[in-house]
C-alpha cells in the first residue's frame, strides 16, 4: 500500500489593522520553565516613557524554532544586502515597569 506524503497547510487570515504592523526598536525577553515572553517596545528619543506595544508568549520549543528561523532569514538578508551593522554603543536604558495610566 502506497502512502502519499501530504504537506499540511494552514490558511492564514491577516486583519487589515494588524497588517499595518507595529514599529518596535526594543525587545525585552523573559522566560520561565514553560514559556518565553517577548515584549516589543517603541522607545523615542527625549520621551521618558515608552509603552509595550505587543507581547508575544511562546513555548520554549516555539521560541527555539523562531530563533532558528530568524537567524536563517538574517543570513539570507545579509547575503543579498550586505552585513547588518550593529550599533551597540548606545547608552544603557533604565527600565521601570509601571501600571497603565501612571505618569
PDB file of N, CA and C in Angstrom:
ATOM      1  N   UNK A   1       0.834  -1.174   0.000  1.00  0.00           N
ATOM      2  CA  UNK A   1       0.000   0.000   0.000  1.00  0.00           C
ATOM      3  C   UNK A   1       0.883   1.242   0.000  1.00  0.00           C
ATOM      4  N   UNK A   2       0.619   2.154  -0.916  1.00  0.00           N
ATOM      5  CA  UNK A   2       1.394   3.370  -1.034  1.00  0.00           C
ATOM      6  C   UNK A   2       0.749   4.472  -0.201  1.00  0.00           C
ATOM      7  N   UNK A   3       1.595   5.255   0.430  1.00  0.00           N
ATOM      8  CA  UNK A   3       1.085   6.417   1.153  1.00  0.00           C
ATOM      9  C   UNK A   3       1.714   7.664   0.550  1.00  0.00           C
ATOM     10  N   UNK A   4       0.896   8.640   0.311  1.00  0.00           N
ATOM     11  CA  UNK A   4       1.392   9.902  -0.235  1.00  0.00           C
ATOM     12  C   UNK A   4       1.782  10.807   0.920  1.00  0.00           C
ATOM     13  N   UNK A   5       2.907  11.463   0.760  1.00  0.00           N
ATOM     14  CA  UNK A   5       3.381  12.398   1.769  1.00  0.00           C
ATOM     15  C   UNK A   5       2.692  13.739   1.527  1.00  0.00           C
ATOM     16  N   UNK A   6       1.656  13.997   2.291  1.00  0.00           N
ATOM     17  CA  UNK A   6       0.906  15.242   2.115  1.00  0.00           C
ATOM     18  C   UNK A   6       1.497  16.324   3.000  1.00  0.00           C
ATOM     19  N   UNK A   7       1.767  17.477   2.397  1.00  0.00           N
ATOM     20  CA  UNK A   7       2.220  18.613   3.182  1.00  0.00           C
ATOM     21  C   UNK A   7       0.997  19.266   3.798  1.00  0.00           C
ATOM     22  N   UNK A   8       1.098  19.561   5.075  1.00  0.00           N
ATOM     23  CA  UNK A   8      -0.010  20.240   5.715  1.00  0.00           C
ATOM     24  C   UNK A   8       0.061  21.719   5.379  1.00  0.00           C
ATOM     25  N   UNK A   9      -1.092  22.337   5.296  1.00  0.00           N
ATOM     26  CA  UNK A   9      -1.129  23.759   5.013  1.00  0.00           C
ATOM     27  C   UNK A   9      -2.125  24.422   5.954  1.00  0.00           C
ATOM     28  N   UNK A  10      -1.868  25.673   6.216  1.00  0.00           N
ATOM     29  CA  UNK A  10      -2.721  26.455   7.084  1.00  0.00           C
ATOM     30  C   UNK A  10      -3.160  27.684   6.316  1.00  0.00           C
ATOM     31  N   UNK A  11      -4.436  27.933   6.306  1.00  0.00           N
ATOM     32  CA  UNK A  11      -4.934  29.163   5.707  1.00  0.00           C
ATOM     33  C   UNK A  11      -4.809  30.269   6.744  1.00  0.00           C
ATOM     34  N   UNK A  12      -4.131  31.331   6.379  1.00  0.00           N
ATOM     35  CA  UNK A  12      -3.919  32.440   7.292  1.00  0.00           C
ATOM     36  C   UNK A  12      -4.825  33.602   6.937  1.00  0.00           C
ATOM     37  N   UNK A  13      -5.327  34.256   7.958  1.00  0.00           N
ATOM     38  CA  UNK A  13      -6.115  35.459   7.756  1.00  0.00           C
ATOM     39  C   UNK A  13      -5.377  36.601   8.442  1.00  0.00           C
ATOM     40  N   UNK A  14      -5.134  37.675   7.714  1.00  0.00           N
ATOM     41  CA  UNK A  14      -4.430  38.825   8.251  1.00  0.00           C
ATOM     42  C   UNK A  14      -5.377  40.005   8.259  1.00  0.00           C
ATOM     43  N   UNK A  15      -5.809  40.395   9.461  1.00  0.00           N
ATOM     44  CA  UNK A  15      -6.709  41.526   9.640  1.00  0.00           C
ATOM     45  C   UNK A  15      -6.063  42.790   9.068  1.00  0.00           C
ATOM     46  N   UNK A  16      -6.857  43.671   8.475  1.00  0.00           N
ATOM     47  CA  UNK A  16      -6.333  44.882   7.840  1.00  0.00           C
ATOM     48  C   UNK A  16      -5.561  45.760   8.823  1.00  0.00           C
ATOM     49  N   UNK A  17      -6.065  45.919  10.044  1.00  0.00           N
ATOM     50  CA  UNK A  17      -5.363  46.733  11.035  1.00  0.00           C
ATOM     51  C   UNK A  17      -4.050  46.079  11.457  1.00  0.00           C
ATOM     52  N   UNK A  18      -4.046  44.776  11.631  1.00  0.00           N
ATOM     53  CA  UNK A  18      -2.844  44.061  12.015  1.00  0.00           C
ATOM     54  C   UNK A  18      -1.806  44.092  10.887  1.00  0.00           C
ATOM     55  N   UNK A  19      -2.273  44.105   9.658  1.00  0.00           N
ATOM     56  CA  UNK A  19      -1.369  44.126   8.502  1.00  0.00           C
ATOM     57  C   UNK A  19      -0.530  45.395   8.458  1.00  0.00           C
ATOM     58  N   UNK A  20      -0.977  46.472   9.104  1.00  0.00           N
ATOM     59  CA  UNK A  20      -0.220  47.716   9.148  1.00  0.00           C
ATOM     60  C   UNK A  20       1.059  47.558   9.954  1.00  0.00           C
ATOM     61  N   UNK A  21       1.061  46.603  10.891  1.00  0.00           N
ATOM     62  CA  UNK A  21       2.241  46.349  11.698  1.00  0.00           C
ATOM     63  C   UNK A  21       2.391  47.346  12.834  1.00  0.00           C
ATOM     64  N   UNK A  22       3.310  47.046  13.726  1.00  0.00           N
ATOM     65  CA  UNK A  22       3.639  47.914  14.852  1.00  0.00           C
ATOM     66  C   UNK A  22       5.143  48.052  14.903  1.00  0.00           C
ATOM     67  N   UNK A  23       5.624  49.284  14.903  1.00  0.00           N
ATOM     68  CA  UNK A  23       7.063  49.538  14.928  1.00  0.00           C
ATOM     69  C   UNK A  23       7.609  49.271  16.326  1.00  0.00           C
ATOM     70  N   UNK A  24       8.763  48.617  16.387  1.00  0.00           N
ATOM     71  CA  UNK A  24       9.438  48.359  17.649  1.00  0.00           C
ATOM     72  C   UNK A  24      10.934  48.520  17.445  1.00  0.00           C
ATOM     73  N   UNK A  25      11.584  49.206  18.404  1.00  0.00           N
ATOM     74  CA  UNK A  25      13.035  49.328  18.332  1.00  0.00           C
ATOM     75  C   UNK A  25      13.698  48.801  19.609  1.00  0.00           C
ATOM     76  N   UNK A  26      12.913  48.073  20.393  1.00  0.00           N
ATOM     77  CA  UNK A  26      13.435  47.433  21.598  1.00  0.00           C
ATOM     78  C   UNK A  26      12.590  46.203  21.893  1.00  0.00           C
ATOM     79  N   UNK A  27      13.250  45.110  22.219  1.00  0.00           N
ATOM     80  CA  UNK A  27      12.533  43.895  22.635  1.00  0.00           C
ATOM     81  C   UNK A  27      13.155  43.410  23.940  1.00  0.00           C
ATOM     82  N   UNK A  28      12.307  43.109  24.894  1.00  0.00           N
ATOM     83  CA  UNK A  28      12.749  42.534  26.164  1.00  0.00           C
ATOM     84  C   UNK A  28      12.266  41.098  26.214  1.00  0.00           C
ATOM     85  N   UNK A  29      13.137  40.202  26.626  1.00  0.00           N
ATOM     86  CA  UNK A  29      12.804  38.779  26.656  1.00  0.00           C
ATOM     87  C   UNK A  29      12.974  38.245  28.065  1.00  0.00           C
ATOM     88  N   UNK A  30      11.929  37.604  28.569  1.00  0.00           N
ATOM     89  CA  UNK A  30      11.967  36.930  29.857  1.00  0.00           C
ATOM     90  C   UNK A  30      11.490  35.501  29.644  1.00  0.00           C
ATOM     91  N   UNK A  31      11.812  34.621  30.577  1.00  0.00           N
ATOM     92  CA  UNK A  31      11.359  33.241  30.414  1.00  0.00           C
ATOM     93  C   UNK A  31      11.162  32.575  31.764  1.00  0.00           C
ATOM     94  N   UNK A  32      10.338  31.550  31.726  1.00  0.00           N
ATOM     95  CA  UNK A  32      10.159  30.635  32.857  1.00  0.00           C
ATOM     96  C   UNK A  32      10.438  29.245  32.299  1.00  0.00           C
ATOM     97  N   UNK A  33      10.187  28.222  33.080  1.00  0.00           N
ATOM     98  CA  UNK A  33      10.417  26.861  32.574  1.00  0.00           C
ATOM     99  C   UNK A  33       9.423  26.489  31.483  1.00  0.00           C
ATOM    100  N   UNK A  34       8.290  27.187  31.420  1.00  0.00           N
ATOM    101  CA  UNK A  34       7.251  26.776  30.472  1.00  0.00           C
ATOM    102  C   UNK A  34       6.988  27.761  29.343  1.00  0.00           C
ATOM    103  N   UNK A  35       7.570  28.971  29.399  1.00  0.00           N
ATOM    104  CA  UNK A  35       7.271  29.937  28.340  1.00  0.00           C
ATOM    105  C   UNK A  35       8.335  31.024  28.231  1.00  0.00           C
ATOM    106  N   UNK A  36       8.408  31.590  27.040  1.00  0.00           N
ATOM    107  CA  UNK A  36       9.216  32.771  26.772  1.00  0.00           C
ATOM    108  C   UNK A  36       8.250  33.916  26.528  1.00  0.00           C
ATOM    109  N   UNK A  37       8.533  35.068  27.122  1.00  0.00           N
ATOM    110  CA  UNK A  37       7.701  36.250  26.941  1.00  0.00           C
ATOM    111  C   UNK A  37       8.558  37.319  26.275  1.00  0.00           C
ATOM    112  N   UNK A  38       8.103  37.792  25.115  1.00  0.00           N
ATOM    113  CA  UNK A  38       8.821  38.821  24.374  1.00  0.00           C
ATOM    114  C   UNK A  38       7.944  40.062  24.330  1.00  0.00           C
ATOM    115  N   UNK A  39       8.440  41.151  24.919  1.00  0.00           N
ATOM    116  CA  UNK A  39       7.750  42.434  24.883  1.00  0.00           C
ATOM    117  C   UNK A  39       8.414  43.307  23.832  1.00  0.00           C
ATOM    118  N   UNK A  40       7.617  43.817  22.891  1.00  0.00           N
ATOM    119  CA  UNK A  40       8.102  44.711  21.850  1.00  0.00           C
ATOM    120  C   UNK A  40       7.716  46.132  22.230  1.00  0.00           C
ATOM    121  N   UNK A  41       8.709  47.030  22.221  1.00  0.00           N
ATOM    122  CA  UNK A  41       8.551  48.381  22.731  1.00  0.00           C
ATOM    123  C   UNK A  41       9.050  49.373  21.689  1.00  0.00           C
ATOM    124  N   UNK A  42       8.428  50.553  21.659  1.00  0.00           N
ATOM    125  CA  UNK A  42       8.880  51.649  20.808  1.00  0.00           C
ATOM    126  C   UNK A  42       9.391  52.749  21.723  1.00  0.00           C
ATOM    127  N   UNK A  43      10.719  52.927  21.752  1.00  0.00           N
ATOM    128  CA  UNK A  43      11.356  53.960  22.579  1.00  0.00           C
ATOM    129  C   UNK A  43      11.702  55.130  21.665  1.00  0.00           C
ATOM    130  N   UNK A  44      11.227  56.316  22.034  1.00  0.00           N
ATOM    131  CA  UNK A  44      11.501  57.507  21.236  1.00  0.00           C
ATOM    132  C   UNK A  44      12.471  58.416  21.976  1.00  0.00           C
ATOM    133  N   UNK A  45      13.434  59.003  21.277  1.00  0.00           N
ATOM    134  CA  UNK A  45      14.390  59.899  21.926  1.00  0.00           C
ATOM    135  C   UNK A  45      13.683  61.071  22.592  1.00  0.00           C
ATOM    136  N   UNK A  46      14.115  61.413  23.791  1.00  0.00           N
ATOM    137  CA  UNK A  46      13.558  62.550  24.502  1.00  0.00           C
ATOM    138  C   UNK A  46      12.229  62.300  25.175  1.00  0.00           C
ATOM    139  N   UNK A  47      11.683  61.117  25.013  1.00  0.00           N
ATOM    140  CA  UNK A  47      10.409  60.780  25.646  1.00  0.00           C
ATOM    141  C   UNK A  47      10.712  59.847  26.810  1.00  0.00           C
ATOM    142  N   UNK A  48      10.395  60.264  28.037  1.00  0.00           N
ATOM    143  CA  UNK A  48      10.794  59.479  29.209  1.00  0.00           C
ATOM    144  C   UNK A  48       9.984  58.209  29.436  1.00  0.00           C
ATOM    145  N   UNK A  49       8.871  58.053  28.745  1.00  0.00           N
ATOM    146  CA  UNK A  49       8.021  56.885  28.970  1.00  0.00           C
ATOM    147  C   UNK A  49       7.757  56.178  27.643  1.00  0.00           C
ATOM    148  N   UNK A  50       7.863  54.865  27.662  1.00  0.00           N
ATOM    149  CA  UNK A  50       7.583  54.061  26.472  1.00  0.00           C
ATOM    150  C   UNK A  50       6.598  52.969  26.860  1.00  0.00           C
ATOM    151  N   UNK A  51       5.700  52.633  25.945  1.00  0.00           N
ATOM    152  CA  UNK A  51       4.716  51.589  26.206  1.00  0.00           C
ATOM    153  C   UNK A  51       5.108  50.302  25.496  1.00  0.00           C
ATOM    154  N   UNK A  52       4.779  49.206  26.139  1.00  0.00           N
ATOM    155  CA  UNK A  52       4.897  47.917  25.466  1.00  0.00           C
ATOM    156  C   UNK A  52       3.810  47.908  24.395  1.00  0.00           C
ATOM    157  N   UNK A  53       4.204  47.724  23.150  1.00  0.00           N
ATOM    158  CA  UNK A  53       3.261  47.750  22.033  1.00  0.00           C
ATOM    159  C   UNK A  53       2.674  46.385  21.738  1.00  0.00           C
ATOM    160  N   UNK A  54       3.443  45.337  22.060  1.00  0.00           N
ATOM    161  CA  UNK A  54       2.960  43.984  21.796  1.00  0.00           C
ATOM    162  C   UNK A  54       3.704  43.016  22.702  1.00  0.00           C
ATOM    163  N   UNK A  55       3.003  42.004  23.174  1.00  0.00           N
ATOM    164  CA  UNK A  55       3.615  40.952  23.980  1.00  0.00           C
ATOM    165  C   UNK A  55       3.296  39.624  23.309  1.00  0.00           C
ATOM    166  N   UNK A  56       4.348  38.858  23.042  1.00  0.00           N
ATOM    167  CA  UNK A  56       4.191  37.538  22.425  1.00  0.00           C
ATOM    168  C   UNK A  56       4.686  36.505  23.423  1.00  0.00           C
ATOM    169  N   UNK A  57       3.883  35.478  23.663  1.00  0.00           N
ATOM    170  CA  UNK A  57       4.235  34.412  24.599  1.00  0.00           C
ATOM    171  C   UNK A  57       4.405  33.124  23.793  1.00  0.00           C
ATOM    172  N   UNK A  58       5.561  32.493  23.952  1.00  0.00           N
ATOM    173  CA  UNK A  58       5.910  31.300  23.184  1.00  0.00           C
ATOM    174  C   UNK A  58       6.288  30.156  24.103  1.00  0.00           C
ATOM    175  N   UNK A  59       6.040  28.938  23.666  1.00  0.00           N
ATOM    176  CA  UNK A  59       6.587  27.790  24.374  1.00  0.00           C
ATOM    177  C   UNK A  59       8.086  27.760  24.108  1.00  0.00           C
ATOM    178  N   UNK A  60       8.875  27.099  24.957  1.00  0.00           N
ATOM    179  CA  UNK A  60      10.312  27.004  24.676  1.00  0.00           C
ATOM    180  C   UNK A  60      10.618  26.408  23.300  1.00  0.00           C
ATOM    181  N   UNK A  61       9.840  25.424  22.883  1.00  0.00           N
ATOM    182  CA  UNK A  61      10.062  24.804  21.575  1.00  0.00           C
ATOM    183  C   UNK A  61       9.814  25.807  20.446  1.00  0.00           C
ATOM    184  N   UNK A  62       8.727  26.585  20.550  1.00  0.00           N
ATOM    185  CA  UNK A  62       8.448  27.578  19.518  1.00  0.00           C
ATOM    186  C   UNK A  62       9.467  28.712  19.548  1.00  0.00           C
ATOM    187  N   UNK A  63       9.940  29.077  20.739  1.00  0.00           N
ATOM    188  CA  UNK A  63      10.966  30.118  20.840  1.00  0.00           C
ATOM    189  C   UNK A  63      12.236  29.671  20.118  1.00  0.00           C
ATOM    190  N   UNK A  64      12.611  28.413  20.281  1.00  0.00           N
ATOM    191  CA  UNK A  64      13.816  27.906  19.616  1.00  0.00           C
ATOM    192  C   UNK A  64      13.614  27.872  18.098  1.00  0.00           C
ATOM    193  N   UNK A  65      12.436  27.438  17.640  1.00  0.00           N
ATOM    194  CA  UNK A  65      12.146  27.432  16.199  1.00  0.00           C
ATOM    195  C   UNK A  65      12.158  28.855  15.640  1.00  0.00           C
ATOM    196  N   UNK A  66      11.595  29.791  16.417  1.00  0.00           N
ATOM    197  CA  UNK A  66      11.565  31.190  15.993  1.00  0.00           C
ATOM    198  C   UNK A  66      12.987  31.734  15.878  1.00  0.00           C
ATOM    199  N   UNK A  67      13.833  31.437  16.847  1.00  0.00           N
ATOM    200  CA  UNK A  67      15.217  31.884  16.827  1.00  0.00           C
ATOM    201  C   UNK A  67      15.942  31.343  15.593  1.00  0.00           C
ATOM    202  N   UNK A  68      15.735  30.075  15.310  1.00  0.00           N
ATOM    203  CA  UNK A  68      16.374  29.457  14.139  1.00  0.00           C
ATOM    204  C   UNK A  68      15.874  30.109  12.845  1.00  0.00           C
ATOM    205  N   UNK A  69      14.574  30.315  12.740  1.00  0.00           N
ATOM    206  CA  UNK A  69      14.007  30.929  11.536  1.00  0.00           C
ATOM    207  C   UNK A  69      14.501  32.368  11.372  1.00  0.00           C
ATOM    208  N   UNK A  70      14.581  33.115  12.473  1.00  0.00           N
ATOM    209  CA  UNK A  70      15.065  34.488  12.409  1.00  0.00           C
ATOM    210  C   UNK A  70      16.524  34.520  11.963  1.00  0.00           C
ATOM    211  N   UNK A  71      17.358  33.645  12.531  1.00  0.00           N
ATOM    212  CA  UNK A  71      18.770  33.580  12.130  1.00  0.00           C
ATOM    213  C   UNK A  71      18.921  33.226  10.659  1.00  0.00           C
ATOM    214  N   UNK A  72      18.113  32.282  10.162  1.00  0.00           N
ATOM    215  CA  UNK A  72      18.176  31.909   8.747  1.00  0.00           C
ATOM    216  C   UNK A  72      17.781  33.082   7.856  1.00  0.00           C
ATOM    217  N   UNK A  73      16.757  33.831   8.265  1.00  0.00           N
ATOM    218  CA  UNK A  73      16.323  34.975   7.477  1.00  0.00           C
ATOM    219  C   UNK A  73      17.337  36.103   7.512  1.00  0.00           C
ATOM    220  N   UNK A  74      17.991  36.323   8.646  1.00  0.00           N
ATOM    221  CA  UNK A  74      19.045  37.339   8.727  1.00  0.00           C
ATOM    222  C   UNK A  74      20.199  36.961   7.806  1.00  0.00           C
ATOM    223  N   UNK A  75      20.568  35.686   7.781  1.00  0.00           N
ATOM    224  CA  UNK A  75      21.642  35.231   6.889  1.00  0.00           C
ATOM    225  C   UNK A  75      21.288  35.487   5.431  1.00  0.00           C
ATOM    226  N   UNK A  76      20.063  35.158   5.030  1.00  0.00           N
ATOM    227  CA  UNK A  76      19.628  35.397   3.641  1.00  0.00           C
ATOM    228  C   UNK A  76      19.633  36.894   3.322  1.00  0.00           C
ATOM    229  N   UNK A  77      19.150  37.713   4.273  1.00  0.00           N
ATOM    230  CA  UNK A  77      19.137  39.160   4.085  1.00  0.00           C
ATOM    231  C   UNK A  77      20.556  39.682   3.864  1.00  0.00           C
ATOM    232  N   UNK A  78      21.499  39.245   4.708  1.00  0.00           N
ATOM    233  CA  UNK A  78      22.877  39.725   4.605  1.00  0.00           C
ATOM    234  C   UNK A  78      23.553  39.252   3.321  1.00  0.00           C
ATOM    235  N   UNK A  79      23.197  38.074   2.828  1.00  0.00           N
ATOM    236  CA  UNK A  79      23.757  37.612   1.549  1.00  0.00           C
ATOM    237  C   UNK A  79      23.309  38.517   0.410  1.00  0.00           C
ATOM    238  N   UNK A  80      22.081  39.013   0.488  1.00  0.00           N
ATOM    239  CA  UNK A  80      21.544  39.878  -0.563  1.00  0.00           C
ATOM    240  C   UNK A  80      21.911  41.342  -0.384  1.00  0.00           C
ATOM    241  N   UNK A  81      22.007  41.809   0.855  1.00  0.00           N
ATOM    242  CA  UNK A  81      22.113  43.236   1.127  1.00  0.00           C
ATOM    243  C   UNK A  81      23.376  43.660   1.864  1.00  0.00           C
ATOM    244  N   UNK A  82      24.217  42.731   2.226  1.00  0.00           N
ATOM    245  CA  UNK A  82      25.412  43.059   2.991  1.00  0.00           C
ATOM    246  C   UNK A  82      25.158  42.935   4.485  1.00  0.00           C
ATOM    247  N   UNK A  83      26.248  42.976   5.236  1.00  0.00           N
ATOM    248  CA  UNK A  83      26.175  42.773   6.682  1.00  0.00           C
ATOM    249  C   UNK A  83      25.352  43.859   7.364  1.00  0.00           C
ATOM    250  N   UNK A  84      24.541  43.452   8.290  1.00  0.00           N
ATOM    251  CA  UNK A  84      23.788  44.391   9.119  1.00  0.00           C
ATOM    252  C   UNK A  84      24.737  44.894  10.191  1.00  0.00           C
ATOM    253  N   UNK A  85      24.917  46.191  10.248  1.00  0.00           N
ATOM    254  CA  UNK A  85      25.826  46.780  11.238  1.00  0.00           C
ATOM    255  C   UNK A  85      25.141  46.830  12.596  1.00  0.00           C
ATOM    256  N   UNK A  86      25.882  46.499  13.638  1.00  0.00           N
ATOM    257  CA  UNK A  86      25.351  46.513  14.996  1.00  0.00           C
ATOM    258  C   UNK A  86      25.866  47.750  15.707  1.00  0.00           C
ATOM    259  N   UNK A  87      24.991  48.686  15.954  1.00  0.00           N
ATOM    260  CA  UNK A  87      25.366  49.924  16.650  1.00  0.00           C
ATOM    261  C   UNK A  87      25.062  49.740  18.129  1.00  0.00           C
ATOM    262  N   UNK A  88      25.844  48.918  18.777  1.00  0.00           N
ATOM    263  CA  UNK A  88      25.576  48.539  20.163  1.00  0.00           C
ATOM    264  C   UNK A  88      26.275  49.450  21.164  1.00  0.00           C
ATOM    265  N   UNK A  89      26.604  50.661  20.760  1.00  0.00           N
ATOM    266  CA  UNK A  89      27.304  51.575  21.659  1.00  0.00           C
ATOM    267  C   UNK A  89      26.351  52.627  22.210  1.00  0.00           C
ATOM    268  N   UNK A  90      25.086  52.274  22.362  1.00  0.00           N
ATOM    269  CA  UNK A  90      24.097  53.196  22.909  1.00  0.00           C
ATOM    270  C   UNK A  90      24.194  53.214  24.417  1.00  0.00           C
ATOM    271  N   UNK A  91      23.697  54.291  25.004  1.00  0.00           N
ATOM    272  CA  UNK A  91      23.645  54.390  26.457  1.00  0.00           C
ATOM    273  C   UNK A  91      22.692  53.331  26.990  1.00  0.00           C
ATOM    274  N   UNK A  92      23.001  52.752  28.134  1.00  0.00           N
ATOM    275  CA  UNK A  92      22.069  51.786  28.718  1.00  0.00           C
ATOM    276  C   UNK A  92      20.750  52.468  29.070  1.00  0.00           C
ATOM    277  N   UNK A  93      19.675  51.735  28.906  1.00  0.00           N
ATOM    278  CA  UNK A  93      18.340  52.256  29.200  1.00  0.00           C
ATOM    279  C   UNK A  93      17.882  51.678  30.523  1.00  0.00           C
ATOM    280  N   UNK A  94      17.437  52.542  31.414  1.00  0.00           N
ATOM    281  CA  UNK A  94      16.871  52.089  32.679  1.00  0.00           C
ATOM    282  C   UNK A  94      15.397  51.797  32.472  1.00  0.00           C
ATOM    283  N   UNK A  95      14.969  50.597  32.802  1.00  0.00           N
ATOM    284  CA  UNK A  95      13.588  50.195  32.586  1.00  0.00           C
ATOM    285  C   UNK A  95      12.850  50.081  33.906  1.00  0.00           C
ATOM    286  N   UNK A  96      11.729  50.760  33.987  1.00  0.00           N
ATOM    287  CA  UNK A  96      10.864  50.696  35.161  1.00  0.00           C
ATOM    288  C   UNK A  96       9.463  50.390  34.666  1.00  0.00           C
ATOM    289  N   UNK A  97       8.906  49.258  35.104  1.00  0.00           N
ATOM    290  CA  UNK A  97       7.569  48.895  34.685  1.00  0.00           C
ATOM    291  C   UNK A  97       6.558  49.484  35.643  1.00  0.00           C
ATOM    292  N   UNK A  98       5.679  50.347  35.122  1.00  0.00           N
ATOM    293  CA  UNK A  98       4.612  50.948  35.906  1.00  0.00           C
ATOM    294  C   UNK A  98       3.268  50.386  35.492  1.00  0.00           C
ATOM    295  N   UNK A  99       2.262  50.752  36.216  1.00  0.00           N
ATOM    296  CA  UNK A  99       0.906  50.324  35.891  1.00  0.00           C
ATOM    297  C   UNK A  99       0.354  51.200  34.778  1.00  0.00           C
ATOM    298  N   UNK A 100      -0.590  50.687  33.983  1.00  0.00           N
ATOM    299  CA  UNK A 100      -1.203  51.514  32.926  1.00  0.00           C
ATOM    300  C   UNK A 100      -1.780  52.780  33.533  1.00  0.00           C
ATOM    301  N   UNK A 101      -1.540  53.882  32.858  1.00  0.00           N
ATOM    302  CA  UNK A 101      -2.088  55.154  33.299  1.00  0.00           C
ATOM    303  C   UNK A 101      -1.185  55.925  34.251  1.00  0.00           C
ATOM    304  N   UNK A 102      -0.110  55.307  34.721  1.00  0.00           N
ATOM    305  CA  UNK A 102       0.820  56.013  35.609  1.00  0.00           C
ATOM    306  C   UNK A 102       1.668  56.976  34.818  1.00  0.00           C
ATOM    307  N   UNK A 103       1.991  58.093  35.389  1.00  0.00           N
ATOM    308  CA  UNK A 103       2.845  59.074  34.699  1.00  0.00           C
ATOM    309  C   UNK A 103       4.284  58.850  35.026  1.00  0.00           C
TER     310      UNK A 103
END
